[in-house]
Amino acid sequence: MLRHAVLGPGGIGALVGAALARAGREIVFLVRAESLRSYPGRVQVESAVLGSFAVAIDAESQLSREVDVLWVTPKATGLDAALVLATPGQIGGAAVVPLMNGIDHVAQLRSRYEHVVAGAMHVESERGTDWVVLQKTPFIRVELGPGGEEIAEELRAAGIDATLREDEVGVLWEKLALLAPVALTTSALGGPIGDVRGDPWWRARLEGARAEVVAVASAEGVVIDEDALRSLHAKVPVATQSSMQKDVAAGREPELAAIAGPILRVGALHGVEVPVTRELVSLVEQRVDAVR
């Protein structure tokens, strides 16, 4: 069995850590000192997949023990601040597995750590300040790139669906293609995905953003089935609010750079026009300014 540390245990990290702890794995949460003072020492999970359970998990503000896996799960806006809790010397050759939105974080982690295994998680999960995790989707899926074989086995033992893929770039761009059109439209509108799909103007933005991210991914060598992606977007429950939308509404910094940045940058690199994505970014920025 592997020893795990979870850096930035929010809705994703706390869910993964709690599932692994329930399966008997050694887990430690890495949290900032101010958050550590209010940590109750346990996590309560209410999951549509894993059920209802509570589990005690150690937490510390600086990694002080040897681990085999470091899960990196903060929001992109908090990554730099989180990384100081786990220095390269402390991590050594342990596998570093990010489950974050976007693409650019993988290169950033590789510039710091020896062994990074790209990952993507498909789930809706939130963690409150009371350390209660609410997981609502009827699935919890993790995709891992090369080098993730033993880690995938750990996840499966914890009740999480885990698959391995050889095309790391595909893992990242497919997650981004699913996420970005929903996150950008719901955040720009300030309403759930049902409102986006129900309004012709906003539905056109959803469709345009989807076509653009598919085109940019294709320029990177990743073939995404746009019809299948359209079907997935149509199945998102009408009341779904993206995490970016919630951040904007709460006055928190949204993950615009992580989610839209690669589409804009790589599109420009390959000469792929992305006017709808650019328009949505501008609308989100306007909404951010209005909330502040």
C-alpha atoms as a PDB file:
ATOM      1  CA  MET A   1       0.000   0.000   0.000  1.00  0.00           C
ATOM      2  CA  LEU A   2       1.165   3.508  -0.796  1.00  0.00           C
ATOM      3  CA  ARG A   3       1.512   6.468   1.551  1.00  0.00           C
ATOM      4  CA  HIS A   4      -0.320   9.585   0.379  1.00  0.00           C
ATOM      5  CA  ALA A   5      -0.228  13.334   1.007  1.00  0.00           C
ATOM      6  CA  VAL A   6      -2.927  15.674  -0.306  1.00  0.00           C
ATOM      7  CA  LEU A   7      -1.896  19.245  -1.064  1.00  0.00           C
ATOM      8  CA  GLY A   8      -4.839  21.647  -1.068  1.00  0.00           C
ATOM      9  CA  PRO A   9      -7.632  19.337   0.142  1.00  0.00           C
ATOM     10  CA  GLY A  10     -10.715  21.129  -1.161  1.00  0.00           C
ATOM     11  CA  GLY A  11     -13.666  19.401  -2.776  1.00  0.00           C
ATOM     12  CA  ILE A  12     -11.435  17.173  -4.913  1.00  0.00           C
ATOM     13  CA  GLY A  13      -8.507  16.531  -2.591  1.00  0.00           C
ATOM     14  CA  ALA A  14     -10.586  15.953   0.521  1.00  0.00           C
ATOM     15  CA  LEU A  15     -12.779  13.473  -1.354  1.00  0.00           C
ATOM     16  CA  VAL A  16      -9.805  11.511  -2.702  1.00  0.00           C
ATOM     17  CA  GLY A  17      -8.022  11.601   0.662  1.00  0.00           C
ATOM     18  CA  ALA A  18     -11.100  10.476   2.591  1.00  0.00           C
ATOM     19  CA  ALA A  19     -11.784   7.612   0.170  1.00  0.00           C
ATOM     20  CA  LEU A  20      -8.175   6.411   0.419  1.00  0.00           C
ATOM     21  CA  ALA A  21      -8.183   6.734   4.218  1.00  0.00           C
ATOM     22  CA  ARG A  22     -11.371   4.683   4.468  1.00  0.00           C
ATOM     23  CA  ALA A  23      -9.625   2.025   2.377  1.00  0.00           C
ATOM     24  CA  GLY A  24      -6.858   1.834   4.983  1.00  0.00           C
ATOM     25  CA  ARG A  25      -4.212   3.971   3.279  1.00  0.00           C
ATOM     26  CA  GLU A  26      -1.933   6.314   5.210  1.00  0.00           C
ATOM     27  CA  ILE A  27      -3.022   9.890   4.437  1.00  0.00           C
ATOM     28  CA  VAL A  28      -1.895  13.347   5.502  1.00  0.00           C
ATOM     29  CA  PHE A  29      -3.470  16.642   4.450  1.00  0.00           C
ATOM     30  CA  LEU A  30      -1.151  19.578   3.780  1.00  0.00           C
ATOM     31  CA  VAL A  31      -2.889  22.834   4.676  1.00  0.00           C
ATOM     32  CA  ARG A  32      -1.807  26.351   5.526  1.00  0.00           C
ATOM     33  CA  ALA A  33      -1.154  27.108   9.185  1.00  0.00           C
ATOM     34  CA  GLU A  34      -4.226  29.311   9.521  1.00  0.00           C
ATOM     35  CA  SER A  35      -6.446  26.561   8.122  1.00  0.00           C
ATOM     36  CA  LEU A  36      -4.788  23.913  10.277  1.00  0.00           C
ATOM     37  CA  ARG A  37      -5.967  25.681  13.435  1.00  0.00           C
ATOM     38  CA  SER A  38      -9.615  25.199  12.458  1.00  0.00           C
ATOM     39  CA  TYR A  39      -9.260  21.679  11.038  1.00  0.00           C
ATOM     40  CA  PRO A  40     -11.416  19.282  13.114  1.00  0.00           C
ATOM     41  CA  GLY A  41      -9.203  16.250  12.487  1.00  0.00           C
ATOM     42  CA  ARG A  42     -11.749  14.381  10.425  1.00  0.00           C
ATOM     43  CA  VAL A  43     -13.692  14.629   7.178  1.00  0.00           C
ATOM     44  CA  GLN A  44     -17.369  13.872   6.696  1.00  0.00           C
ATOM     45  CA  VAL A  45     -18.272  12.665   3.208  1.00  0.00           C
ATOM     46  CA  GLU A  46     -21.741  12.665   1.688  1.00  0.00           C
ATOM     47  CA  SER A  47     -21.260  11.014  -1.685  1.00  0.00           C
ATOM     48  CA  ALA A  48     -23.632   9.785  -4.360  1.00  0.00           C
ATOM     49  CA  VAL A  49     -21.024   7.126  -5.206  1.00  0.00           C
ATOM     50  CA  LEU A  50     -19.176   6.301  -1.984  1.00  0.00           C
ATOM     51  CA  GLY A  51     -22.019   6.792   0.478  1.00  0.00           C
ATOM     52  CA  SER A  52     -21.961   8.618   3.808  1.00  0.00           C
ATOM     53  CA  PHE A  53     -18.957   8.190   6.098  1.00  0.00           C
ATOM     54  CA  ALA A  54     -16.547  10.039   8.364  1.00  0.00           C
ATOM     55  CA  VAL A  55     -12.836   9.372   8.630  1.00  0.00           C
ATOM     56  CA  ALA A  56     -10.004  10.805  10.738  1.00  0.00           C
ATOM     57  CA  ILE A  57      -7.050  12.169   8.738  1.00  0.00           C
ATOM     58  CA  ASP A  58      -3.818  13.765   9.978  1.00  0.00           C
ATOM     59  CA  ALA A  59      -3.008  17.283   8.803  1.00  0.00           C
ATOM     60  CA  GLU A  60       0.113  19.434   8.939  1.00  0.00           C
ATOM     61  CA  SER A  61       1.327  22.724   7.510  1.00  0.00           C
ATOM     62  CA  GLN A  62       4.638  21.324   6.260  1.00  0.00           C
ATOM     63  CA  LEU A  63       5.260  17.810   5.015  1.00  0.00           C
ATOM     64  CA  SER A  64       7.235  16.008   7.716  1.00  0.00           C
ATOM     65  CA  ARG A  65       7.044  12.374   6.632  1.00  0.00           C
ATOM     66  CA  GLU A  66       7.949  10.202   3.677  1.00  0.00           C
ATOM     67  CA  VAL A  67       5.193   9.646   1.127  1.00  0.00           C
ATOM     68  CA  ASP A  68       4.855   7.730  -2.092  1.00  0.00           C
ATOM     69  CA  VAL A  69       2.219   9.969  -3.718  1.00  0.00           C
ATOM     70  CA  LEU A  70       1.578  13.696  -3.501  1.00  0.00           C
ATOM     71  CA  TRP A  71      -1.874  14.647  -4.765  1.00  0.00           C
ATOM     72  CA  VAL A  72      -1.901  18.276  -5.915  1.00  0.00           C
ATOM     73  CA  THR A  73      -5.483  19.534  -5.757  1.00  0.00           C
ATOM     74  CA  PRO A  74      -5.707  23.285  -5.009  1.00  0.00           C
ATOM     75  CA  LYS A  75      -7.347  25.672  -7.425  1.00  0.00           C
ATOM     76  CA  ALA A  76      -4.887  27.031  -9.954  1.00  0.00           C
ATOM     77  CA  THR A  77      -5.066  30.453  -8.316  1.00  0.00           C
ATOM     78  CA  GLY A  78      -3.689  28.958  -5.097  1.00  0.00           C
ATOM     79  CA  LEU A  79      -1.046  26.632  -6.521  1.00  0.00           C
ATOM     80  CA  ASP A  80       2.019  28.789  -5.886  1.00  0.00           C
ATOM     81  CA  ALA A  81       1.076  29.352  -2.243  1.00  0.00           C
ATOM     82  CA  ALA A  82       0.344  25.654  -1.735  1.00  0.00           C
ATOM     83  CA  LEU A  83       3.626  24.399  -3.172  1.00  0.00           C
ATOM     84  CA  VAL A  84       5.672  25.824  -0.300  1.00  0.00           C
ATOM     85  CA  LEU A  85       4.073  23.180   1.954  1.00  0.00           C
ATOM     86  CA  ALA A  86       5.819  20.374   0.044  1.00  0.00           C
ATOM     87  CA  THR A  87       9.361  21.175  -1.065  1.00  0.00           C
ATOM     88  CA  PRO A  88      11.177  19.124  -3.710  1.00  0.00           C
ATOM     89  CA  GLY A  89      13.555  17.847  -1.039  1.00  0.00           C
ATOM     90  CA  GLN A  90      10.661  16.560   1.039  1.00  0.00           C
ATOM     91  CA  ILE A  91       8.968  14.905  -1.939  1.00  0.00           C
ATOM     92  CA  GLY A  92      12.066  13.331  -3.490  1.00  0.00           C
ATOM     93  CA  GLY A  93      11.084  10.663  -6.004  1.00  0.00           C
ATOM     94  CA  ALA A  94       7.452  10.338  -4.926  1.00  0.00           C
ATOM     95  CA  ALA A  95       4.833  10.507  -7.656  1.00  0.00           C
ATOM     96  CA  VAL A  96       3.235  13.948  -7.901  1.00  0.00           C
ATOM     97  CA  VAL A  97      -0.296  13.681  -9.281  1.00  0.00           C
ATOM     98  CA  PRO A  98      -2.195  16.896 -10.047  1.00  0.00           C
ATOM     99  CA  LEU A  99      -5.988  16.808 -10.288  1.00  0.00           C
ATOM    100  CA  MET A 100      -6.479  20.406 -11.333  1.00  0.00           C
ATOM    101  CA  ASN A 101      -8.255  22.432 -13.963  1.00  0.00           C
ATOM    102  CA  GLY A 102      -6.267  23.491 -17.002  1.00  0.00           C
ATOM    103  CA  ILE A 103      -3.061  22.291 -18.590  1.00  0.00           C
ATOM    104  CA  ASP A 104      -0.169  24.591 -17.685  1.00  0.00           C
ATOM    105  CA  HIS A 105       0.220  23.277 -14.126  1.00  0.00           C
ATOM    106  CA  VAL A 106       1.821  20.041 -15.349  1.00  0.00           C
ATOM    107  CA  ALA A 107       4.850  21.838 -16.797  1.00  0.00           C
ATOM    108  CA  GLN A 108       5.077  24.006 -13.679  1.00  0.00           C
ATOM    109  CA  LEU A 109       5.144  20.939 -11.436  1.00  0.00           C
ATOM    110  CA  ARG A 110       7.728  19.213 -13.624  1.00  0.00           C
ATOM    111  CA  SER A 111      10.007  22.203 -13.244  1.00  0.00           C
ATOM    112  CA  ARG A 112       9.910  21.556  -9.478  1.00  0.00           C
ATOM    113  CA  TYR A 113       9.483  17.814  -8.878  1.00  0.00           C
ATOM    114  CA  GLU A 114      11.202  14.718 -10.276  1.00  0.00           C
ATOM    115  CA  HIS A 115       8.209  12.491 -11.058  1.00  0.00           C
ATOM    116  CA  VAL A 116       4.892  13.998 -12.205  1.00  0.00           C
ATOM    117  CA  VAL A 117       1.999  11.834 -13.402  1.00  0.00           C
ATOM    118  CA  ALA A 118      -0.623  13.856 -15.273  1.00  0.00           C
ATOM    119  CA  GLY A 119      -4.178  13.325 -14.113  1.00  0.00           C
ATOM    120  CA  ALA A 120      -7.728  14.541 -14.598  1.00  0.00           C
ATOM    121  CA  MET A 121     -10.739  14.036 -12.350  1.00  0.00           C
ATOM    122  CA  HIS A 122     -14.359  14.093 -13.484  1.00  0.00           C
ATOM    123  CA  VAL A 123     -16.683  14.772 -10.565  1.00  0.00           C
ATOM    124  CA  GLU A 124     -18.756  17.461  -8.895  1.00  0.00           C
ATOM    125  CA  SER A 125     -17.550  17.786  -5.325  1.00  0.00           C
ATOM    126  CA  GLU A 126     -17.451  20.606  -2.796  1.00  0.00           C
ATOM    127  CA  ARG A 127     -15.957  20.927   0.678  1.00  0.00           C
ATOM    128  CA  GLY A 128     -17.372  23.355   3.198  1.00  0.00           C
ATOM    129  CA  THR A 129     -15.518  25.171   5.946  1.00  0.00           C
ATOM    130  CA  ASP A 130     -16.878  22.485   8.295  1.00  0.00           C
ATOM    131  CA  TRP A 131     -14.931  19.865   6.306  1.00  0.00           C
ATOM    132  CA  VAL A 132     -18.072  18.189   5.038  1.00  0.00           C
ATOM    133  CA  VAL A 133     -17.602  17.008   1.443  1.00  0.00           C
ATOM    134  CA  LEU A 134     -20.668  16.891  -0.787  1.00  0.00           C
ATOM    135  CA  GLN A 135     -20.235  14.789  -3.942  1.00  0.00           C
ATOM    136  CA  LYS A 136     -23.315  14.860  -6.168  1.00  0.00           C
ATOM    137  CA  THR A 137     -22.541  13.311  -9.542  1.00  0.00           C
ATOM    138  CA  PRO A 138     -23.364   9.613 -10.118  1.00  0.00           C
ATOM    139  CA  PHE A 139     -19.710   9.018 -11.002  1.00  0.00           C
ATOM    140  CA  ILE A 140     -16.182   9.676  -9.754  1.00  0.00           C
ATOM    141  CA  ARG A 141     -13.666   9.140 -12.544  1.00  0.00           C
ATOM    142  CA  VAL A 142      -9.932   9.701 -12.648  1.00  0.00           C
ATOM    143  CA  GLU A 143      -7.735   9.395 -15.722  1.00  0.00           C
ATOM    144  CA  LEU A 144      -3.981   9.052 -15.261  1.00  0.00           C
ATOM    145  CA  GLY A 145      -1.179   9.359 -17.748  1.00  0.00           C
ATOM    146  CA  PRO A 146       1.893   7.147 -18.061  1.00  0.00           C
ATOM    147  CA  GLY A 147       3.386   6.022 -14.766  1.00  0.00           C
ATOM    148  CA  GLY A 148       0.109   5.880 -12.899  1.00  0.00           C
ATOM    149  CA  GLU A 149      -0.450   2.114 -12.779  1.00  0.00           C
ATOM    150  CA  GLU A 150       0.017   1.524  -9.040  1.00  0.00           C
ATOM    151  CA  ILE A 151      -1.785   4.762  -8.179  1.00  0.00           C
ATOM    152  CA  ALA A 152      -4.793   3.691 -10.246  1.00  0.00           C
ATOM    153  CA  GLU A 153      -4.936   0.470  -8.239  1.00  0.00           C
ATOM    154  CA  GLU A 154      -5.004   2.488  -5.018  1.00  0.00           C
ATOM    155  CA  LEU A 155      -7.926   4.547  -6.304  1.00  0.00           C
ATOM    156  CA  ARG A 156      -9.887   1.503  -7.402  1.00  0.00           C
ATOM    157  CA  ALA A 157      -9.408  -0.047  -3.962  1.00  0.00           C
ATOM    158  CA  ALA A 158     -10.957   3.134  -2.562  1.00  0.00           C
ATOM    159  CA  GLY A 159     -14.028   2.865  -4.808  1.00  0.00           C
ATOM    160  CA  ILE A 160     -12.935   5.420  -7.404  1.00  0.00           C
ATOM    161  CA  ASP A 161     -13.064   4.566 -11.103  1.00  0.00           C
ATOM    162  CA  ALA A 162      -9.520   4.999 -12.415  1.00  0.00           C
ATOM    163  CA  THR A 163      -8.216   4.451 -15.943  1.00  0.00           C
ATOM    164  CA  LEU A 164      -4.770   4.689 -17.510  1.00  0.00           C
ATOM    165  CA  ARG A 165      -3.947   6.389 -20.787  1.00  0.00           C
ATOM    166  CA  GLU A 166      -0.780   6.641 -22.805  1.00  0.00           C
ATOM    167  CA  ASP A 167      -1.680  10.027 -24.315  1.00  0.00           C
ATOM    168  CA  GLU A 168      -1.112  12.458 -21.474  1.00  0.00           C
ATOM    169  CA  VAL A 169      -1.950  15.443 -23.675  1.00  0.00           C
ATOM    170  CA  GLY A 170      -5.294  13.872 -24.505  1.00  0.00           C
ATOM    171  CA  VAL A 171      -6.118  13.447 -20.810  1.00  0.00           C
ATOM    172  CA  LEU A 172      -5.621  17.167 -20.220  1.00  0.00           C
ATOM    173  CA  TRP A 173      -7.272  18.565 -23.343  1.00  0.00           C
ATOM    174  CA  GLU A 174     -10.341  16.329 -23.114  1.00  0.00           C
ATOM    175  CA  LYS A 175     -10.957  17.502 -19.554  1.00  0.00           C
ATOM    176  CA  LEU A 176     -10.492  21.112 -20.644  1.00  0.00           C
ATOM    177  CA  ALA A 177     -12.853  20.675 -23.601  1.00  0.00           C
ATOM    178  CA  LEU A 178     -15.560  19.402 -21.277  1.00  0.00           C
ATOM    179  CA  LEU A 179     -14.992  22.051 -18.639  1.00  0.00           C
ATOM    180  CA  ALA A 180     -14.161  25.306 -20.416  1.00  0.00           C
ATOM    181  CA  PRO A 181     -17.383  25.928 -22.410  1.00  0.00           C
ATOM    182  CA  VAL A 182     -19.522  25.276 -19.318  1.00  0.00           C
ATOM    183  CA  ALA A 183     -17.332  27.250 -16.916  1.00  0.00           C
ATOM    184  CA  LEU A 184     -17.021  30.252 -19.211  1.00  0.00           C
ATOM    185  CA  THR A 185     -20.691  30.517 -20.202  1.00  0.00           C
ATOM    186  CA  THR A 186     -22.144  29.973 -16.733  1.00  0.00           C
ATOM    187  CA  SER A 187     -19.660  32.449 -15.242  1.00  0.00           C
ATOM    188  CA  ALA A 188     -20.283  35.081 -17.916  1.00  0.00           C
ATOM    189  CA  LEU A 189     -24.043  34.717 -17.541  1.00  0.00           C
ATOM    190  CA  GLY A 190     -24.037  34.315 -13.776  1.00  0.00           C
ATOM    191  CA  GLY A 191     -26.512  31.456 -13.993  1.00  0.00           C
ATOM    192  CA  PRO A 192     -26.637  27.658 -14.178  1.00  0.00           C
ATOM    193  CA  ILE A 193     -26.082  25.618 -17.313  1.00  0.00           C
ATOM    194  CA  GLY A 194     -29.834  25.213 -17.798  1.00  0.00           C
ATOM    195  CA  ASP A 195     -30.132  28.973 -18.315  1.00  0.00           C
ATOM    196  CA  VAL A 196     -27.283  28.857 -20.827  1.00  0.00           C
ATOM    197  CA  ARG A 197     -28.868  26.063 -22.854  1.00  0.00           C
ATOM    198  CA  GLY A 198     -32.323  27.642 -22.642  1.00  0.00           C
ATOM    199  CA  ASP A 199     -31.357  30.982 -24.174  1.00  0.00           C
ATOM    200  CA  PRO A 200     -30.498  31.069 -27.903  1.00  0.00           C
ATOM    201  CA  TRP A 201     -27.805  33.736 -27.531  1.00  0.00           C
ATOM    202  CA  TRP A 202     -26.032  31.963 -24.669  1.00  0.00           C
ATOM    203  CA  ARG A 203     -26.502  28.529 -26.225  1.00  0.00           C
ATOM    204  CA  ALA A 204     -24.690  29.841 -29.311  1.00  0.00           C
ATOM    205  CA  ARG A 205     -21.791  30.902 -27.063  1.00  0.00           C
ATOM    206  CA  LEU A 206     -21.671  27.450 -25.507  1.00  0.00           C
ATOM    207  CA  GLU A 207     -21.574  25.866 -28.951  1.00  0.00           C
ATOM    208  CA  GLY A 208     -18.994  28.330 -30.234  1.00  0.00           C
ATOM    209  CA  ALA A 209     -16.697  27.842 -27.246  1.00  0.00           C
ATOM    210  CA  ARG A 210     -16.996  24.076 -27.660  1.00  0.00           C
ATOM    211  CA  ALA A 211     -16.063  24.224 -31.342  1.00  0.00           C
ATOM    212  CA  GLU A 212     -13.081  26.442 -30.580  1.00  0.00           C
ATOM    213  CA  VAL A 213     -11.556  24.268 -27.869  1.00  0.00           C
ATOM    214  CA  VAL A 214     -12.019  21.200 -30.080  1.00  0.00           C
ATOM    215  CA  ALA A 215     -10.223  23.003 -32.912  1.00  0.00           C
ATOM    216  CA  VAL A 216      -7.353  24.099 -30.671  1.00  0.00           C
ATOM    217  CA  ALA A 217      -6.975  20.596 -29.251  1.00  0.00           C
ATOM    218  CA  SER A 218      -6.898  19.227 -32.792  1.00  0.00           C
ATOM    219  CA  ALA A 219      -4.060  21.623 -33.617  1.00  0.00           C
ATOM    220  CA  GLU A 220      -2.200  20.094 -30.660  1.00  0.00           C
ATOM    221  CA  GLY A 221      -2.763  16.618 -32.087  1.00  0.00           C
ATOM    222  CA  VAL A 222      -5.680  15.657 -29.828  1.00  0.00           C
ATOM    223  CA  VAL A 223      -8.790  14.463 -31.666  1.00  0.00           C
ATOM    224  CA  ILE A 224     -11.952  15.142 -29.659  1.00  0.00           C
ATOM    225  CA  ASP A 225     -15.331  13.836 -30.805  1.00  0.00           C
ATOM    226  CA  GLU A 226     -17.375  17.049 -30.885  1.00  0.00           C
ATOM    227  CA  ASP A 227     -20.681  15.189 -31.194  1.00  0.00           C
ATOM    228  CA  ALA A 228     -19.897  13.155 -28.076  1.00  0.00           C
ATOM    229  CA  LEU A 229     -18.856  16.319 -26.278  1.00  0.00           C
ATOM    230  CA  ARG A 230     -22.106  18.005 -27.307  1.00  0.00           C
ATOM    231  CA  SER A 231     -24.004  15.058 -25.860  1.00  0.00           C
ATOM    232  CA  LEU A 232     -22.110  15.350 -22.563  1.00  0.00           C
ATOM    233  CA  HIS A 233     -22.854  19.068 -22.319  1.00  0.00           C
ATOM    234  CA  ALA A 234     -26.535  18.363 -22.991  1.00  0.00           C
ATOM    235  CA  LYS A 235     -26.630  15.907 -20.076  1.00  0.00           C
ATOM    236  CA  VAL A 236     -25.238  18.286 -17.466  1.00  0.00           C
ATOM    237  CA  PRO A 237     -28.088  18.806 -14.946  1.00  0.00           C
ATOM    238  CA  VAL A 238     -29.915  22.090 -15.511  1.00  0.00           C
ATOM    239  CA  ALA A 239     -29.157  23.459 -12.032  1.00  0.00           C
ATOM    240  CA  THR A 240     -25.394  22.898 -12.322  1.00  0.00           C
ATOM    241  CA  GLN A 241     -23.234  25.885 -11.452  1.00  0.00           C
ATOM    242  CA  SER A 242     -19.572  25.755 -12.373  1.00  0.00           C
ATOM    243  CA  SER A 243     -16.942  26.276  -9.694  1.00  0.00           C
ATOM    244  CA  MET A 244     -15.725  29.323 -11.609  1.00  0.00           C
ATOM    245  CA  GLN A 245     -19.230  30.794 -11.511  1.00  0.00           C
ATOM    246  CA  LYS A 246     -19.365  30.250  -7.740  1.00  0.00           C
ATOM    247  CA  ASP A 247     -15.952  31.876  -7.300  1.00  0.00           C
ATOM    248  CA  VAL A 248     -17.017  34.948  -9.263  1.00  0.00           C
ATOM    249  CA  ALA A 249     -20.262  35.280  -7.302  1.00  0.00           C
ATOM    250  CA  ALA A 250     -18.355  35.018  -4.006  1.00  0.00           C
ATOM    251  CA  GLY A 251     -15.775  37.612  -5.005  1.00  0.00           C
ATOM    252  CA  ARG A 252     -12.950  35.066  -5.252  1.00  0.00           C
ATOM    253  CA  GLU A 253     -10.402  35.095  -8.055  1.00  0.00           C
ATOM    254  CA  PRO A 254     -11.635  32.777 -10.837  1.00  0.00           C
ATOM    255  CA  GLU A 255      -9.459  30.272 -12.675  1.00  0.00           C
ATOM    256  CA  LEU A 256      -9.650  32.197 -15.938  1.00  0.00           C
ATOM    257  CA  ALA A 257      -5.948  31.927 -16.699  1.00  0.00           C
ATOM    258  CA  ALA A 258      -5.956  28.169 -16.123  1.00  0.00           C
ATOM    259  CA  ILE A 259      -9.149  27.383 -18.030  1.00  0.00           C
ATOM    260  CA  ALA A 260      -9.229  29.926 -20.860  1.00  0.00           C
ATOM    261  CA  GLY A 261      -5.527  30.725 -21.022  1.00  0.00           C
ATOM    262  CA  PRO A 262      -4.398  27.561 -22.859  1.00  0.00           C
ATOM    263  CA  ILE A 263      -7.175  27.944 -25.435  1.00  0.00           C
ATOM    264  CA  LEU A 264      -6.216  31.546 -26.174  1.00  0.00           C
ATOM    265  CA  ARG A 265      -2.464  30.931 -26.149  1.00  0.00           C
ATOM    266  CA  VAL A 266      -2.362  27.675 -28.105  1.00  0.00           C
ATOM    267  CA  GLY A 267      -4.978  28.970 -30.519  1.00  0.00           C
ATOM    268  CA  ALA A 268      -2.749  31.949 -31.298  1.00  0.00           C
ATOM    269  CA  LEU A 269       0.273  29.666 -31.627  1.00  0.00           C
ATOM    270  CA  HIS A 270      -1.447  27.559 -34.287  1.00  0.00           C
ATOM    271  CA  GLY A 271      -3.412  30.352 -35.958  1.00  0.00           C
ATOM    272  CA  VAL A 272      -6.773  29.015 -34.709  1.00  0.00           C
ATOM    273  CA  GLU A 273      -9.275  31.840 -34.197  1.00  0.00           C
ATOM    274  CA  VAL A 274     -11.129  31.729 -30.866  1.00  0.00           C
ATOM    275  CA  PRO A 275     -13.371  34.821 -30.823  1.00  0.00           C
ATOM    276  CA  VAL A 276     -16.133  33.312 -28.695  1.00  0.00           C
ATOM    277  CA  THR A 277     -13.715  32.209 -25.983  1.00  0.00           C
ATOM    278  CA  ARG A 278     -12.155  35.669 -26.011  1.00  0.00           C
ATOM    279  CA  GLU A 279     -15.599  37.285 -25.765  1.00  0.00           C
ATOM    280  CA  LEU A 280     -16.579  35.077 -22.831  1.00  0.00           C
ATOM    281  CA  VAL A 281     -13.352  35.873 -20.995  1.00  0.00           C
ATOM    282  CA  SER A 282     -14.145  39.567 -21.359  1.00  0.00           C
ATOM    283  CA  LEU A 283     -17.670  39.043 -20.033  1.00  0.00           C
ATOM    284  CA  VAL A 284     -16.386  37.085 -17.044  1.00  0.00           C
ATOM    285  CA  GLU A 285     -13.859  39.824 -16.298  1.00  0.00           C
ATOM    286  CA  GLN A 286     -16.657  42.402 -16.404  1.00  0.00           C
ATOM    287  CA  ARG A 287     -18.688  40.363 -13.943  1.00  0.00           C
ATOM    288  CA  VAL A 288     -15.651  40.027 -11.661  1.00  0.00           C
ATOM    289  CA  ASP A 289     -15.198  43.804 -11.698  1.00  0.00           C
ATOM    290  CA  ALA A 290     -18.891  44.338 -10.914  1.00  0.00           C
ATOM    291  CA  VAL A 291     -18.720  42.072  -7.847  1.00  0.00           C
ATOM    292  CA  ARG A 292     -15.586  43.678  -6.398  1.00  0.00           C
END
